[in-house]
Structures are given as structure tokens and as C-alpha cells.
């Protein structure tokens, strides 16, 4: 089966977000990722929508630490930079103790 590949900007952003979360790999699950091309008169890049499920004890606290100050954070992406990032909606606690997180970001070519 052929799987669609993530762009280089999307892959870099995902790796950077996961590093920032500082959680073991089995505690954070990517639930969805959508990237679309974006252009202005002077810049080109991609708009990203991402969903995550954070599991395990203390999930709400872990999400709080992960997202604290993310709008102003310096998120290094190599050939790209994050022009804006933020929550699509407030994190949602689930009955099983996990927390759903939805983010939106705009990455531009450097």
C-alpha cells in the first residue's frame, strides 16, 4: 500500500513538537495531520493542522507543560521557520484520562 508522505516542513515540525513535549513515545499519539500549500506575495510555505492524544498518568499536566508558551516559542526547523502556531481549540480531557490536543501552524521557507 502506498502511503502519502509528509513534506519536509511537516516532518520537521512534527519532530520538533514531539521533542518539545518531552514525553516517552508511547505516551503521545499523532491522530491526524493535514498540510496544505500556502502563499503570499512574498512568502511560500504550508499551513498545518495536527491532532495528538496524550496518554498516561498526569496527561493534563504534561500537555500544560508542552503547550506553555508555544505561541512565542522558537521552534527550529532547519530550512523552514514557524511563522505562527497555536491551539485550534482548548485541549479536551477524555474519560480514559488522556487529553486531545489540536494545533495549527504556518511554516515558511527560510
Protein backbone atom coordinates (compact mmCIF):
# COMPACT_ATOMS: atom_id res chain seq x y z
CA UNK A 1 0.00 0.00 0.00
CA UNK A 2 1.27 3.47 -0.88
CA UNK A 3 1.15 5.99 1.92
CA UNK A 4 1.23 9.72 1.35
CA UNK A 5 4.46 11.24 2.56
CA UNK A 6 4.72 14.26 4.78
CA UNK A 7 6.52 17.23 3.34
CA UNK A 8 9.93 18.15 4.71
CA UNK A 9 8.41 21.12 6.58
CA UNK A 10 5.67 18.94 8.12
CA UNK A 11 8.17 16.26 9.16
CA UNK A 12 10.47 18.84 10.73
CA UNK A 13 7.59 20.46 12.59
CA UNK A 14 6.31 17.11 13.88
CA UNK A 15 9.77 16.09 15.14
CA UNK A 16 10.22 19.46 16.82
CA UNK A 17 6.80 19.30 18.50
CA UNK A 18 7.46 15.78 19.79
CA UNK A 19 10.87 16.84 21.17
CA UNK A 20 9.25 19.83 22.86
CA UNK A 21 6.67 17.55 24.51
CA UNK A 22 9.49 15.67 26.28
CA UNK A 23 7.29 12.59 26.64
CA UNK A 24 8.08 8.93 26.03
CA UNK A 25 6.99 7.87 22.54
CA UNK A 26 4.28 5.58 23.92
CA UNK A 27 2.52 8.50 25.68
CA UNK A 28 1.84 10.73 22.68
CA UNK A 29 -0.04 9.59 19.59
CA UNK A 30 -0.44 11.53 16.36
CA UNK A 31 -4.14 11.25 15.49
CA UNK A 32 -4.17 13.34 12.32
CA UNK A 33 -2.04 15.69 10.25
CA UNK A 34 -3.13 17.80 7.30
CA UNK A 35 -0.79 20.11 5.40
CA UNK A 36 -1.80 22.46 2.61
CA UNK A 37 0.31 24.75 0.47
CA UNK A 38 0.18 28.43 1.41
CA UNK A 39 1.45 31.51 -0.45
CA UNK A 40 1.50 35.26 -0.13
CA UNK A 41 3.09 37.78 -2.49
CA UNK A 42 6.46 37.40 -0.78
CA UNK A 43 6.41 34.05 1.08
CA UNK A 44 5.56 30.44 0.41
CA UNK A 45 5.03 27.68 2.88
CA UNK A 46 2.44 25.34 4.36
CA UNK A 47 -0.43 25.53 6.79
CA UNK A 48 -0.62 22.51 9.12
CA UNK A 49 -3.41 21.08 11.26
CA UNK A 50 -2.34 18.41 13.74
CA UNK A 51 -4.07 16.31 16.35
CA UNK A 52 -2.46 14.43 19.23
CA UNK A 53 -3.65 12.20 22.07
CA UNK A 54 -1.51 12.36 25.22
CA UNK A 55 -1.98 9.31 27.45
CA UNK A 56 -0.96 8.13 30.87
CA UNK A 57 -0.84 9.45 34.40
CA UNK A 58 -0.54 13.22 34.57
CA UNK A 59 -1.54 13.71 30.92
CA UNK A 60 -3.20 17.07 31.63
CA UNK A 61 -0.08 18.39 33.38
CA UNK A 62 2.16 17.10 30.59
CA UNK A 63 0.00 18.85 28.00
CA UNK A 64 0.13 22.06 30.03
CA UNK A 65 3.92 21.98 30.13
CA UNK A 66 4.16 21.09 26.42
CA UNK A 67 1.91 23.92 25.30
CA UNK A 68 3.02 26.59 27.78
CA UNK A 69 4.34 29.50 25.71
CA UNK A 70 4.19 27.60 22.42
CA UNK A 71 2.87 30.66 20.55
CA UNK A 72 6.13 32.52 21.27
CA UNK A 73 8.48 29.54 21.24
CA UNK A 74 11.48 29.34 18.94
CA UNK A 75 10.90 26.09 17.06
CA UNK A 76 13.95 25.36 14.87
CA UNK A 77 13.06 23.57 11.63
CA UNK A 78 16.21 23.84 9.54
CA UNK A 79 15.23 25.24 6.11
CA UNK A 80 11.84 26.40 7.42
CA UNK A 81 10.55 28.53 10.25
CA UNK A 82 7.32 28.65 12.17
CA UNK A 83 5.57 31.92 11.38
CA UNK A 84 2.67 31.15 13.72
CA UNK A 85 1.46 28.29 15.87
CA UNK A 86 -1.34 27.86 18.36
CA UNK A 87 -4.21 25.75 19.56
CA UNK A 88 -7.13 25.08 17.22
CA UNK A 89 -9.23 24.56 20.33
CA UNK A 90 -8.65 24.02 24.02
CA UNK A 91 -7.29 20.57 24.99
CA UNK A 92 -10.07 18.08 25.77
CA UNK A 93 -9.78 15.59 28.64
CA UNK A 94 -11.17 12.15 27.82
CA UNK A 95 -12.85 9.62 30.12
CA UNK A 96 -9.77 7.37 29.97
CA UNK A 97 -7.54 10.17 31.35
CA UNK A 98 -5.96 11.03 28.00
CA UNK A 99 -6.03 14.54 26.56
CA UNK A 100 -6.73 15.51 22.95
CA UNK A 101 -4.71 18.40 21.56
CA UNK A 102 -5.27 20.16 18.23
CA UNK A 103 -2.70 22.61 16.87
CA UNK A 104 -2.48 24.82 13.80
CA UNK A 105 0.77 26.16 12.40
CA UNK A 106 2.12 28.07 9.44
CA UNK A 107 5.63 27.18 8.27
CA UNK A 108 7.51 29.28 5.74
CA UNK A 109 10.58 28.59 3.67
CA UNK A 110 13.59 30.33 5.16
